[in-house]
Amino acid sequence: MELMAVHGYGGNMFGFYGAKRKYIYMTINELATGFGYKSKKGIEKLIQRNPYLLDPEYSVLTTLPVRDYGTDVLTSTINRNGTPHSVGYHKAKQQYQEVRVFTKRGILEIGCISKTKEARQFRDWLYTYIEKLEKAFTRGVIAHTESKDLQKMLHDAVYHAPAYVDKDNTSKAKALINFNKLLIKIASKGRTAHKKEMTAEEIQQLEHLEHKTITLLNEGHDYQYIKSVL
């Protein structure tokens, strides 16, 4: 299960998780916030009164990342002759926590039996937004890929770009790191600085920006120009 989208409603951001690009889930914590409860205990009381909500067609227990330790580090290795060899990430460690997530049926069921003043409007918003996500999955618009080949292309574009070809390898490596930071920031609209925390929609935007950056680098433009264009 992976984070597929993050969307704002009522001043809060809500995460939508997916499995096999077709099943939508939300956590008990976020549903509690959206439906106007002070904590997840509000939803847990609904479950006590309606134990069928524990059935797998309504909700399941799963583990999701809840916190990062450290930061991602972009690395670039260099051959003995000084030419670039490869680029990669050392990922920060994550802590996982078991949490109850609700299926589409469970989400809408909570909306129907909840008696809070926020319930109806939040349920209506969820119904509309989940439909949009499902259509996006069907069309294949959302594709959460690792983009390893594209990252290698960006690496090569920086190292061989007219603007950087005369720089030493340390300067080129720093330029690549700056480009990656910039593109992740733009694609996620400043939501995260780490690629592994990006949603599928944000990854798709990142890939578009990487393609555009590679083209601009090949045309001879430097970081400052590309930053202003993007």
Protein backbone atom coordinates (compact mmCIF):
# COMPACT_ATOMS: atom_id res chain seq x y z
CA MET A 1 0.00 0.00 0.00
CA GLU A 2 1.38 3.41 -0.95
CA LEU A 3 0.43 7.06 -0.65
CA MET A 4 -1.24 7.94 -3.96
CA ALA A 5 -2.50 11.48 -3.45
CA VAL A 6 -2.71 14.27 -0.89
CA HIS A 7 -5.49 16.82 -1.13
CA GLY A 8 -6.69 19.71 0.99
CA TYR A 9 -10.17 20.22 2.39
CA GLY A 10 -11.41 22.50 5.17
CA GLY A 11 -7.93 23.65 6.06
CA ASN A 12 -6.56 20.11 6.45
CA MET A 13 -4.55 17.84 4.15
CA PHE A 14 -5.85 14.30 3.59
CA GLY A 15 -3.84 11.38 2.29
CA PHE A 16 -5.29 8.71 0.01
CA TYR A 17 -3.56 5.35 -0.10
CA GLY A 18 -3.79 2.81 -2.86
CA ALA A 19 -3.21 -0.87 -3.47
CA LYS A 20 -2.71 -2.31 -6.97
CA ARG A 21 -3.63 1.09 -8.45
CA LYS A 22 -7.35 0.46 -7.92
CA TYR A 23 -8.29 0.26 -4.24
CA ILE A 24 -8.57 3.49 -2.21
CA TYR A 25 -7.96 3.67 1.54
CA MET A 26 -7.88 6.38 4.22
CA THR A 27 -6.57 6.14 7.77
CA ILE A 28 -8.80 6.24 10.82
CA ASN A 29 -6.94 9.33 12.05
CA GLU A 30 -7.64 11.37 8.92
CA LEU A 31 -11.26 10.28 8.77
CA ALA A 32 -11.69 11.37 12.38
CA THR A 33 -10.33 14.82 11.50
CA GLY A 34 -12.49 15.18 8.40
CA PHE A 35 -15.68 14.04 10.08
CA GLY A 36 -15.17 16.49 12.93
CA TYR A 37 -14.04 14.26 15.81
CA LYS A 38 -11.41 15.39 18.32
CA SER A 39 -9.43 12.19 17.82
CA LYS A 40 -9.68 8.72 16.35
CA LYS A 41 -11.62 7.69 19.46
CA GLY A 42 -14.70 9.17 17.80
CA ILE A 43 -14.43 6.63 14.98
CA GLU A 44 -13.54 3.85 17.41
CA LYS A 45 -16.81 4.49 19.28
CA LEU A 46 -18.69 4.13 15.98
CA ILE A 47 -16.94 0.80 15.50
CA GLN A 48 -17.96 -0.36 18.98
CA ARG A 49 -21.59 0.35 18.12
CA ASN A 50 -21.22 -1.05 14.60
CA PRO A 51 -18.69 -3.92 14.80
CA TYR A 52 -19.30 -4.88 11.16
CA LEU A 53 -16.97 -1.95 10.33
CA LEU A 54 -14.11 -4.28 11.29
CA ASP A 55 -15.00 -6.63 8.42
CA PRO A 56 -12.39 -6.53 5.61
CA GLU A 57 -14.79 -5.00 3.10
CA TYR A 58 -14.93 -1.93 5.39
CA SER A 59 -11.51 -1.68 7.03
CA VAL A 60 -8.21 -3.48 7.59
CA LEU A 61 -5.10 -3.09 9.73
CA THR A 62 -1.87 -2.28 7.92
CA THR A 63 1.52 -0.70 8.57
CA LEU A 64 2.31 2.75 7.22
CA PRO A 65 5.35 5.04 7.66
CA VAL A 66 4.74 7.62 10.38
CA ARG A 67 8.11 9.35 10.76
CA ASP A 68 11.47 9.79 9.07
CA TYR A 69 14.87 9.59 10.74
CA GLY A 70 17.62 11.52 8.98
CA THR A 71 17.50 12.79 5.42
CA ASP A 72 17.97 11.40 1.94
CA VAL A 73 21.47 11.78 0.51
CA LEU A 74 22.10 11.96 -3.21
CA THR A 75 25.37 10.26 -4.16
CA SER A 76 27.38 10.39 -7.35
CA THR A 77 30.28 7.98 -7.98
CA ILE A 78 33.21 8.80 -10.26
CA ASN A 79 35.50 6.50 -12.22
CA ARG A 80 39.28 6.61 -11.76
CA ASN A 81 39.67 8.67 -14.89
CA GLY A 82 37.37 11.33 -13.43
CA THR A 83 34.30 10.58 -15.51
CA PRO A 84 30.85 10.20 -13.89
CA HIS A 85 29.77 6.63 -13.29
CA SER A 86 26.43 6.47 -11.48
CA VAL A 87 24.02 8.34 -9.25
CA GLY A 88 21.77 7.10 -6.48
CA TYR A 89 20.08 7.75 -3.15
CA HIS A 90 20.84 6.62 0.38
CA LYS A 91 17.39 6.59 1.91
CA ALA A 92 16.62 7.74 5.41
CA LYS A 93 15.26 5.18 7.86
CA GLN A 94 11.53 5.10 8.48
CA GLN A 95 9.45 4.07 11.44
CA TYR A 96 6.25 2.17 10.68
CA GLN A 97 3.11 1.94 12.76
CA GLU A 98 0.10 -0.32 12.57
CA VAL A 99 -2.99 1.68 11.72
CA ARG A 100 -6.56 0.94 10.68
CA VAL A 101 -7.41 2.07 7.16
CA PHE A 102 -10.88 2.16 5.62
CA THR A 103 -11.88 1.05 2.15
CA LYS A 104 -14.08 3.16 -0.11
CA ARG A 105 -17.13 1.33 1.25
CA GLY A 106 -15.96 1.87 4.82
CA ILE A 107 -15.24 5.56 4.23
CA LEU A 108 -18.73 6.21 2.87
CA GLU A 109 -20.31 4.04 5.59
CA ILE A 110 -18.63 6.15 8.28
CA GLY A 111 -20.01 9.21 6.52
CA CYS A 112 -23.55 7.81 6.58
CA ILE A 113 -23.64 6.81 10.25
CA SER A 114 -21.67 9.75 11.62
CA LYS A 115 -23.85 12.39 13.30
CA THR A 116 -21.38 15.29 13.38
CA LYS A 117 -22.24 18.55 11.65
CA GLU A 118 -19.30 18.07 9.29
CA ALA A 119 -20.31 14.57 8.22
CA ARG A 120 -22.50 15.25 5.18
CA GLN A 121 -20.28 17.85 3.50
CA PHE A 122 -17.10 15.87 4.10
CA ARG A 123 -18.75 12.69 2.82
CA ASP A 124 -19.91 14.47 -0.34
CA TRP A 125 -16.41 15.86 -0.94
CA LEU A 126 -14.85 12.43 -0.39
CA TYR A 127 -17.28 10.77 -2.80
CA THR A 128 -16.41 13.25 -5.56
CA TYR A 129 -12.66 13.19 -4.99
CA ILE A 130 -12.41 9.39 -4.75
CA GLU A 131 -14.29 9.12 -8.05
CA LYS A 132 -11.67 11.38 -9.64
CA LEU A 133 -8.86 9.22 -8.27
CA GLU A 134 -10.47 6.02 -9.54
CA LYS A 135 -10.89 7.51 -13.02
CA ALA A 136 -7.25 8.58 -12.97
CA PHE A 137 -6.19 5.03 -12.10
CA THR A 138 -8.34 3.63 -14.91
CA ARG A 139 -6.85 5.98 -17.48
CA GLY A 140 -3.37 5.13 -16.27
CA VAL A 141 -2.63 8.79 -15.58
CA ILE A 142 -1.09 8.06 -12.19
CA ALA A 143 2.10 6.03 -12.49
CA HIS A 144 4.23 5.86 -9.39
CA THR A 145 7.58 4.70 -10.80
CA GLU A 146 11.10 4.72 -9.46
CA SER A 147 12.32 6.76 -12.49
CA LYS A 148 15.82 5.26 -12.26
CA ASP A 149 16.46 5.57 -16.01
CA LEU A 150 15.23 9.15 -16.02
CA GLN A 151 17.43 10.03 -13.05
CA LYS A 152 20.42 8.59 -14.92
CA MET A 153 19.48 10.73 -17.94
CA LEU A 154 19.38 13.84 -15.76
CA HIS A 155 22.75 12.89 -14.26
CA ASP A 156 24.31 12.58 -17.72
CA ALA A 157 22.65 15.78 -18.93
CA VAL A 158 24.18 17.77 -16.06
CA TYR A 159 27.67 16.27 -16.46
CA HIS A 160 27.75 16.85 -20.23
CA ALA A 161 25.73 20.09 -20.42
CA PRO A 162 27.50 23.03 -22.14
CA ALA A 163 27.00 25.07 -18.96
CA TYR A 164 28.85 22.52 -16.79
CA VAL A 165 31.16 20.59 -19.12
CA ASP A 166 34.20 22.65 -18.06
CA LYS A 167 33.42 22.38 -14.32
CA ASP A 168 35.16 19.87 -12.08
CA ASN A 169 33.28 16.75 -11.00
CA THR A 170 32.61 18.09 -7.49
CA SER A 171 30.86 21.13 -8.96
CA LYS A 172 28.86 18.93 -11.31
CA ALA A 173 27.77 16.67 -8.45
CA LYS A 174 26.62 19.72 -6.45
CA ALA A 175 24.72 21.01 -9.47
CA LEU A 176 22.93 17.67 -9.83
CA ILE A 177 21.94 17.72 -6.15
CA ASN A 178 20.61 21.28 -6.54
CA PHE A 179 18.57 20.29 -9.59
CA ASN A 180 17.04 17.33 -7.77
CA LYS A 181 16.14 19.44 -4.74
CA LEU A 182 14.59 22.09 -6.98
CA LEU A 183 12.52 19.67 -9.02
CA ILE A 184 11.19 17.81 -5.97
CA LYS A 185 10.26 21.12 -4.32
CA ILE A 186 8.40 22.32 -7.42
CA ALA A 187 6.67 19.00 -8.11
CA SER A 188 5.42 18.66 -4.51
CA LYS A 189 4.71 22.41 -4.20
CA GLY A 190 7.03 22.53 -1.22
CA ARG A 191 5.18 19.76 0.64
CA THR A 192 8.26 17.54 0.97
CA ALA A 193 11.97 17.53 0.24
CA HIS A 194 12.21 13.74 -0.20
CA LYS A 195 11.26 11.79 -3.29
CA LYS A 196 10.16 8.73 -1.32
CA GLU A 197 7.51 10.86 0.43
CA MET A 198 5.99 12.11 -2.82
CA THR A 199 2.57 10.98 -4.01
CA ALA A 200 1.98 9.28 -7.35
CA GLU A 201 0.62 12.52 -8.79
CA GLU A 202 3.69 14.41 -7.60
CA ILE A 203 6.01 11.76 -9.06
CA GLN A 204 4.28 12.17 -12.40
CA GLN A 205 4.86 15.93 -12.25
CA LEU A 206 8.49 15.33 -11.21
CA GLU A 207 9.07 13.16 -14.28
CA HIS A 208 7.66 15.90 -16.50
CA LEU A 209 10.01 18.44 -14.90
CA GLU A 210 12.99 16.10 -15.27
CA HIS A 211 12.32 15.73 -19.00
CA LYS A 212 12.01 19.51 -19.37
CA THR A 213 15.20 20.12 -17.38
CA ILE A 214 17.17 17.65 -19.50
CA THR A 215 16.03 19.46 -22.65
CA LEU A 216 17.01 22.86 -21.25
CA LEU A 217 20.41 21.57 -20.14
CA ASN A 218 21.09 20.18 -23.59
CA GLU A 219 20.19 23.58 -25.03
CA GLY A 220 22.98 25.14 -22.96
CA HIS A 221 21.06 26.72 -20.09
CA ASP A 222 22.33 26.77 -16.49
CA TYR A 223 20.65 26.27 -13.10
CA GLN A 224 19.55 29.88 -12.57
CA TYR A 225 17.89 30.10 -15.98
CA ILE A 226 16.17 26.73 -15.64
CA LYS A 227 14.95 27.65 -12.14
CA SER A 228 13.37 30.84 -13.51
CA VAL A 229 11.67 28.93 -16.34
CA LEU A 230 10.30 26.17 -14.16
